[in-house]
């Protein structure tokens, strides 16, 4: 009987570890996409100097992935800096704002706050209705592969110009 309990416990731990590894892998893949977005979207002129800020909202493993990326990568001629916002009121100028699925209920509120503060951020989500709630890019899985949806209308509403290559790579939502 002890052997059976040990086997069950070992199996449960293995499933948890595999699940955590898969989640970490998903965030790593998404962070690579986010890095590529830095060169596939045109930001307004006043966003093209100083640090290129990639922010996350709330607690997410993406924060660590973005911080690691910022240590070795650049966005064109700009250094990459990171920020993490824990409330809508804390949100300040950033180029990209990642909102994890755990914060999906706040997407519309966050997008409205960005617009009210005249922040031209590429809002990236990871939730089923991200585009409908105002995000510009929403990660999705198609045929077991990481893909992303793009709303060109939402991009223009944020003062951004997604280039032709990003539109070619995306699942267009408009």
C-alpha atoms as a PDB file:
ATOM      1  CA  UNK A   1       0.000   0.000   0.000  1.00  0.00           C
ATOM      2  CA  UNK A   2       2.862   2.402   0.791  1.00  0.00           C
ATOM      3  CA  UNK A   3       4.348   1.700  -2.622  1.00  0.00           C
ATOM      4  CA  UNK A   4       1.005   2.578  -4.259  1.00  0.00           C
ATOM      5  CA  UNK A   5       0.814   5.923  -2.379  1.00  0.00           C
ATOM      6  CA  UNK A   6       4.388   6.695  -3.348  1.00  0.00           C
ATOM      7  CA  UNK A   7       3.592   5.930  -6.990  1.00  0.00           C
ATOM      8  CA  UNK A   8       0.471   8.138  -6.936  1.00  0.00           C
ATOM      9  CA  UNK A   9       2.332  10.999  -5.218  1.00  0.00           C
ATOM     10  CA  UNK A  10       5.216  10.716  -7.690  1.00  0.00           C
ATOM     11  CA  UNK A  11       2.793  10.783 -10.618  1.00  0.00           C
ATOM     12  CA  UNK A  12       1.027  13.874  -9.281  1.00  0.00           C
ATOM     13  CA  UNK A  13       4.329  15.693  -8.746  1.00  0.00           C
ATOM     14  CA  UNK A  14       5.473  14.782 -12.255  1.00  0.00           C
ATOM     15  CA  UNK A  15       2.261  16.171 -13.780  1.00  0.00           C
ATOM     16  CA  UNK A  16       2.658  19.382 -11.757  1.00  0.00           C
ATOM     17  CA  UNK A  17       6.293  19.742 -12.843  1.00  0.00           C
ATOM     18  CA  UNK A  18       5.421  19.098 -16.493  1.00  0.00           C
ATOM     19  CA  UNK A  19       2.594  21.652 -16.251  1.00  0.00           C
ATOM     20  CA  UNK A  20       4.918  24.236 -14.702  1.00  0.00           C
ATOM     21  CA  UNK A  21       7.566  23.534 -17.347  1.00  0.00           C
ATOM     22  CA  UNK A  22       4.945  23.960 -20.090  1.00  0.00           C
ATOM     23  CA  UNK A  23       3.763  27.265 -18.587  1.00  0.00           C
ATOM     24  CA  UNK A  24       7.354  28.525 -18.343  1.00  0.00           C
ATOM     25  CA  UNK A  25       7.938  27.430 -21.931  1.00  0.00           C
ATOM     26  CA  UNK A  26       4.792  29.286 -23.057  1.00  0.00           C
ATOM     27  CA  UNK A  27       5.997  32.482 -21.362  1.00  0.00           C
ATOM     28  CA  UNK A  28       9.434  32.097 -22.929  1.00  0.00           C
ATOM     29  CA  UNK A  29       7.895  31.676 -26.399  1.00  0.00           C
ATOM     30  CA  UNK A  30       5.581  34.642 -25.814  1.00  0.00           C
ATOM     31  CA  UNK A  31       8.513  36.776 -24.643  1.00  0.00           C
ATOM     32  CA  UNK A  32      10.284  36.039 -27.936  1.00  0.00           C
ATOM     33  CA  UNK A  33       7.159  37.181 -29.788  1.00  0.00           C
ATOM     34  CA  UNK A  34       7.060  40.333 -27.641  1.00  0.00           C
ATOM     35  CA  UNK A  35      10.689  41.065 -28.471  1.00  0.00           C
ATOM     36  CA  UNK A  36       9.926  40.705 -32.176  1.00  0.00           C
ATOM     37  CA  UNK A  37       6.975  43.078 -31.822  1.00  0.00           C
ATOM     38  CA  UNK A  38       9.512  45.791 -30.868  1.00  0.00           C
ATOM     39  CA  UNK A  39      10.649  45.917 -34.478  1.00  0.00           C
ATOM     40  CA  UNK A  40       7.348  45.188 -36.233  1.00  0.00           C
ATOM     41  CA  UNK A  41       5.318  48.099 -34.842  1.00  0.00           C
ATOM     42  CA  UNK A  42       5.945  51.824 -35.386  1.00  0.00           C
ATOM     43  CA  UNK A  43       5.590  53.998 -32.291  1.00  0.00           C
ATOM     44  CA  UNK A  44       5.130  57.786 -32.353  1.00  0.00           C
ATOM     45  CA  UNK A  45       8.282  59.922 -32.621  1.00  0.00           C
ATOM     46  CA  UNK A  46       8.409  60.764 -28.899  1.00  0.00           C
ATOM     47  CA  UNK A  47       8.637  57.014 -28.133  1.00  0.00           C
ATOM     48  CA  UNK A  48      11.712  56.517 -30.313  1.00  0.00           C
ATOM     49  CA  UNK A  49      14.293  57.800 -27.820  1.00  0.00           C
ATOM     50  CA  UNK A  50      15.141  56.898 -24.255  1.00  0.00           C
ATOM     51  CA  UNK A  51      14.472  53.429 -22.917  1.00  0.00           C
ATOM     52  CA  UNK A  52      12.068  51.073 -24.642  1.00  0.00           C
ATOM     53  CA  UNK A  53       9.787  50.024 -21.787  1.00  0.00           C
ATOM     54  CA  UNK A  54       8.136  46.622 -21.712  1.00  0.00           C
ATOM     55  CA  UNK A  55       5.720  46.419 -18.802  1.00  0.00           C
ATOM     56  CA  UNK A  56       3.610  43.717 -17.231  1.00  0.00           C
ATOM     57  CA  UNK A  57       0.429  44.179 -15.242  1.00  0.00           C
ATOM     58  CA  UNK A  58      -0.058  42.212 -12.036  1.00  0.00           C
ATOM     59  CA  UNK A  59       1.762  39.073 -11.024  1.00  0.00           C
ATOM     60  CA  UNK A  60       2.903  37.005 -13.967  1.00  0.00           C
ATOM     61  CA  UNK A  61       5.810  34.752 -14.831  1.00  0.00           C
ATOM     62  CA  UNK A  62       6.134  36.932 -17.939  1.00  0.00           C
ATOM     63  CA  UNK A  63       7.725  39.607 -15.732  1.00  0.00           C
ATOM     64  CA  UNK A  64      10.801  37.445 -15.165  1.00  0.00           C
ATOM     65  CA  UNK A  65      11.024  36.472 -18.848  1.00  0.00           C
ATOM     66  CA  UNK A  66      10.912  40.135 -19.910  1.00  0.00           C
ATOM     67  CA  UNK A  67      13.513  41.094 -17.296  1.00  0.00           C
ATOM     68  CA  UNK A  68      15.872  38.386 -18.563  1.00  0.00           C
ATOM     69  CA  UNK A  69      15.356  39.515 -22.154  1.00  0.00           C
ATOM     70  CA  UNK A  70      16.043  43.151 -21.224  1.00  0.00           C
ATOM     71  CA  UNK A  71      19.498  42.216 -19.951  1.00  0.00           C
ATOM     72  CA  UNK A  72      20.731  41.076 -23.366  1.00  0.00           C
ATOM     73  CA  UNK A  73      18.511  42.643 -26.037  1.00  0.00           C
ATOM     74  CA  UNK A  74      17.876  46.074 -27.485  1.00  0.00           C
ATOM     75  CA  UNK A  75      14.885  47.488 -29.339  1.00  0.00           C
ATOM     76  CA  UNK A  76      16.603  49.079 -32.299  1.00  0.00           C
ATOM     77  CA  UNK A  77      18.851  51.772 -30.803  1.00  0.00           C
ATOM     78  CA  UNK A  78      16.994  51.795 -27.467  1.00  0.00           C
ATOM     79  CA  UNK A  79      17.858  49.888 -24.314  1.00  0.00           C
ATOM     80  CA  UNK A  80      15.019  47.736 -23.037  1.00  0.00           C
ATOM     81  CA  UNK A  81      13.782  48.542 -19.538  1.00  0.00           C
ATOM     82  CA  UNK A  82      11.034  46.770 -17.660  1.00  0.00           C
ATOM     83  CA  UNK A  83       8.201  47.883 -15.418  1.00  0.00           C
ATOM     84  CA  UNK A  84       5.479  46.148 -13.466  1.00  0.00           C
ATOM     85  CA  UNK A  85       2.198  47.806 -12.602  1.00  0.00           C
ATOM     86  CA  UNK A  86       0.026  46.494  -9.794  1.00  0.00           C
ATOM     87  CA  UNK A  87      -2.895  48.877 -10.220  1.00  0.00           C
ATOM     88  CA  UNK A  88      -4.474  50.841 -13.036  1.00  0.00           C
ATOM     89  CA  UNK A  89      -3.516  54.090 -11.320  1.00  0.00           C
ATOM     90  CA  UNK A  90       0.180  53.092 -11.389  1.00  0.00           C
ATOM     91  CA  UNK A  91       0.311  52.734 -15.161  1.00  0.00           C
ATOM     92  CA  UNK A  92       2.749  55.119 -16.808  1.00  0.00           C
ATOM     93  CA  UNK A  93       4.439  55.503 -20.175  1.00  0.00           C
ATOM     94  CA  UNK A  94       5.465  52.204 -21.714  1.00  0.00           C
ATOM     95  CA  UNK A  95       5.805  50.828 -25.215  1.00  0.00           C
ATOM     96  CA  UNK A  96       4.375  47.371 -24.605  1.00  0.00           C
ATOM     97  CA  UNK A  97       2.037  46.355 -21.786  1.00  0.00           C
ATOM     98  CA  UNK A  98       1.444  42.634 -21.231  1.00  0.00           C
ATOM     99  CA  UNK A  99      -1.746  41.747 -19.353  1.00  0.00           C
ATOM    100  CA  UNK A 100      -1.886  38.081 -18.249  1.00  0.00           C
ATOM    101  CA  UNK A 101      -5.071  36.050 -18.366  1.00  0.00           C
ATOM    102  CA  UNK A 102      -5.357  36.316 -14.571  1.00  0.00           C
ATOM    103  CA  UNK A 103      -6.059  40.037 -15.071  1.00  0.00           C
ATOM    104  CA  UNK A 104      -8.394  39.652 -18.064  1.00  0.00           C
ATOM    105  CA  UNK A 105     -11.332  41.264 -16.276  1.00  0.00           C
ATOM    106  CA  UNK A 106      -9.351  44.547 -16.196  1.00  0.00           C
ATOM    107  CA  UNK A 107      -8.356  44.793 -19.874  1.00  0.00           C
ATOM    108  CA  UNK A 108     -11.018  47.360 -20.819  1.00  0.00           C
ATOM    109  CA  UNK A 109     -10.275  49.463 -17.733  1.00  0.00           C
ATOM    110  CA  UNK A 110      -6.540  49.363 -18.460  1.00  0.00           C
ATOM    111  CA  UNK A 111      -6.994  50.283 -22.136  1.00  0.00           C
ATOM    112  CA  UNK A 112      -9.284  53.177 -21.157  1.00  0.00           C
ATOM    113  CA  UNK A 113      -6.669  54.394 -18.641  1.00  0.00           C
ATOM    114  CA  UNK A 114      -3.918  54.230 -21.278  1.00  0.00           C
ATOM    115  CA  UNK A 115      -6.014  56.317 -23.657  1.00  0.00           C
ATOM    116  CA  UNK A 116      -6.920  58.819 -20.919  1.00  0.00           C
ATOM    117  CA  UNK A 117      -3.204  59.233 -20.105  1.00  0.00           C
ATOM    118  CA  UNK A 118      -2.261  59.466 -23.826  1.00  0.00           C
ATOM    119  CA  UNK A 119      -0.007  56.416 -23.541  1.00  0.00           C
ATOM    120  CA  UNK A 120       0.646  54.771 -26.913  1.00  0.00           C
ATOM    121  CA  UNK A 121       1.177  51.219 -25.653  1.00  0.00           C
ATOM    122  CA  UNK A 122       0.964  47.992 -27.567  1.00  0.00           C
ATOM    123  CA  UNK A 123      -1.433  46.092 -25.316  1.00  0.00           C
ATOM    124  CA  UNK A 124      -0.701  42.365 -25.412  1.00  0.00           C
ATOM    125  CA  UNK A 125      -3.023  39.846 -23.762  1.00  0.00           C
ATOM    126  CA  UNK A 126      -3.294  36.132 -23.310  1.00  0.00           C
ATOM    127  CA  UNK A 127      -7.023  35.560 -22.976  1.00  0.00           C
ATOM    128  CA  UNK A 128      -9.993  34.484 -25.021  1.00  0.00           C
ATOM    129  CA  UNK A 129     -11.660  37.910 -25.493  1.00  0.00           C
ATOM    130  CA  UNK A 130      -8.557  40.083 -25.360  1.00  0.00           C
ATOM    131  CA  UNK A 131      -9.095  41.716 -28.755  1.00  0.00           C
ATOM    132  CA  UNK A 132     -12.789  42.372 -28.082  1.00  0.00           C
ATOM    133  CA  UNK A 133     -11.837  44.062 -24.808  1.00  0.00           C
ATOM    134  CA  UNK A 134      -9.338  46.416 -26.463  1.00  0.00           C
ATOM    135  CA  UNK A 135      -5.976  44.659 -26.691  1.00  0.00           C
ATOM    136  CA  UNK A 136      -3.940  45.102 -29.849  1.00  0.00           C
ATOM    137  CA  UNK A 137      -2.383  41.631 -29.779  1.00  0.00           C
ATOM    138  CA  UNK A 138      -3.747  38.506 -28.155  1.00  0.00           C
ATOM    139  CA  UNK A 139      -1.820  35.257 -27.846  1.00  0.00           C
ATOM    140  CA  UNK A 140      -3.690  32.134 -28.865  1.00  0.00           C
ATOM    141  CA  UNK A 141      -2.939  28.496 -29.624  1.00  0.00           C
ATOM    142  CA  UNK A 142      -3.787  27.163 -33.099  1.00  0.00           C
ATOM    143  CA  UNK A 143      -2.999  23.567 -34.032  1.00  0.00           C
ATOM    144  CA  UNK A 144      -0.883  23.240 -30.869  1.00  0.00           C
ATOM    145  CA  UNK A 145       1.275  26.196 -31.928  1.00  0.00           C
ATOM    146  CA  UNK A 146       1.647  29.611 -30.338  1.00  0.00           C
ATOM    147  CA  UNK A 147       0.092  32.257 -32.580  1.00  0.00           C
ATOM    148  CA  UNK A 148      -1.248  35.761 -32.097  1.00  0.00           C
ATOM    149  CA  UNK A 149      -4.266  37.753 -33.150  1.00  0.00           C
ATOM    150  CA  UNK A 150      -3.864  41.378 -34.227  1.00  0.00           C
ATOM    151  CA  UNK A 151      -6.436  44.133 -34.224  1.00  0.00           C
ATOM    152  CA  UNK A 152      -5.253  46.894 -36.525  1.00  0.00           C
ATOM    153  CA  UNK A 153      -8.225  49.018 -35.425  1.00  0.00           C
ATOM    154  CA  UNK A 154      -7.181  48.706 -31.768  1.00  0.00           C
ATOM    155  CA  UNK A 155      -3.592  49.508 -32.761  1.00  0.00           C
ATOM    156  CA  UNK A 156      -4.643  52.704 -34.499  1.00  0.00           C
ATOM    157  CA  UNK A 157      -6.823  53.626 -31.499  1.00  0.00           C
ATOM    158  CA  UNK A 158      -3.641  53.386 -29.383  1.00  0.00           C
ATOM    159  CA  UNK A 159      -1.728  55.615 -31.822  1.00  0.00           C
ATOM    160  CA  UNK A 160       0.351  52.753 -33.224  1.00  0.00           C
ATOM    161  CA  UNK A 161       1.100  51.628 -36.743  1.00  0.00           C
ATOM    162  CA  UNK A 162       1.554  47.877 -37.110  1.00  0.00           C
ATOM    163  CA  UNK A 163       3.703  47.162 -40.132  1.00  0.00           C
ATOM    164  CA  UNK A 164       2.795  44.875 -43.001  1.00  0.00           C
ATOM    165  CA  UNK A 165       5.013  42.053 -41.768  1.00  0.00           C
ATOM    166  CA  UNK A 166       3.260  41.757 -38.411  1.00  0.00           C
ATOM    167  CA  UNK A 167      -0.097  41.710 -40.207  1.00  0.00           C
ATOM    168  CA  UNK A 168       1.192  38.949 -42.483  1.00  0.00           C
ATOM    169  CA  UNK A 169       2.260  36.853 -39.476  1.00  0.00           C
ATOM    170  CA  UNK A 170      -0.880  37.473 -37.412  1.00  0.00           C
ATOM    171  CA  UNK A 171      -4.369  36.155 -37.365  1.00  0.00           C
ATOM    172  CA  UNK A 172      -6.165  39.374 -38.289  1.00  0.00           C
ATOM    173  CA  UNK A 173      -9.075  40.155 -35.991  1.00  0.00           C
ATOM    174  CA  UNK A 174     -10.532  43.100 -37.940  1.00  0.00           C
END
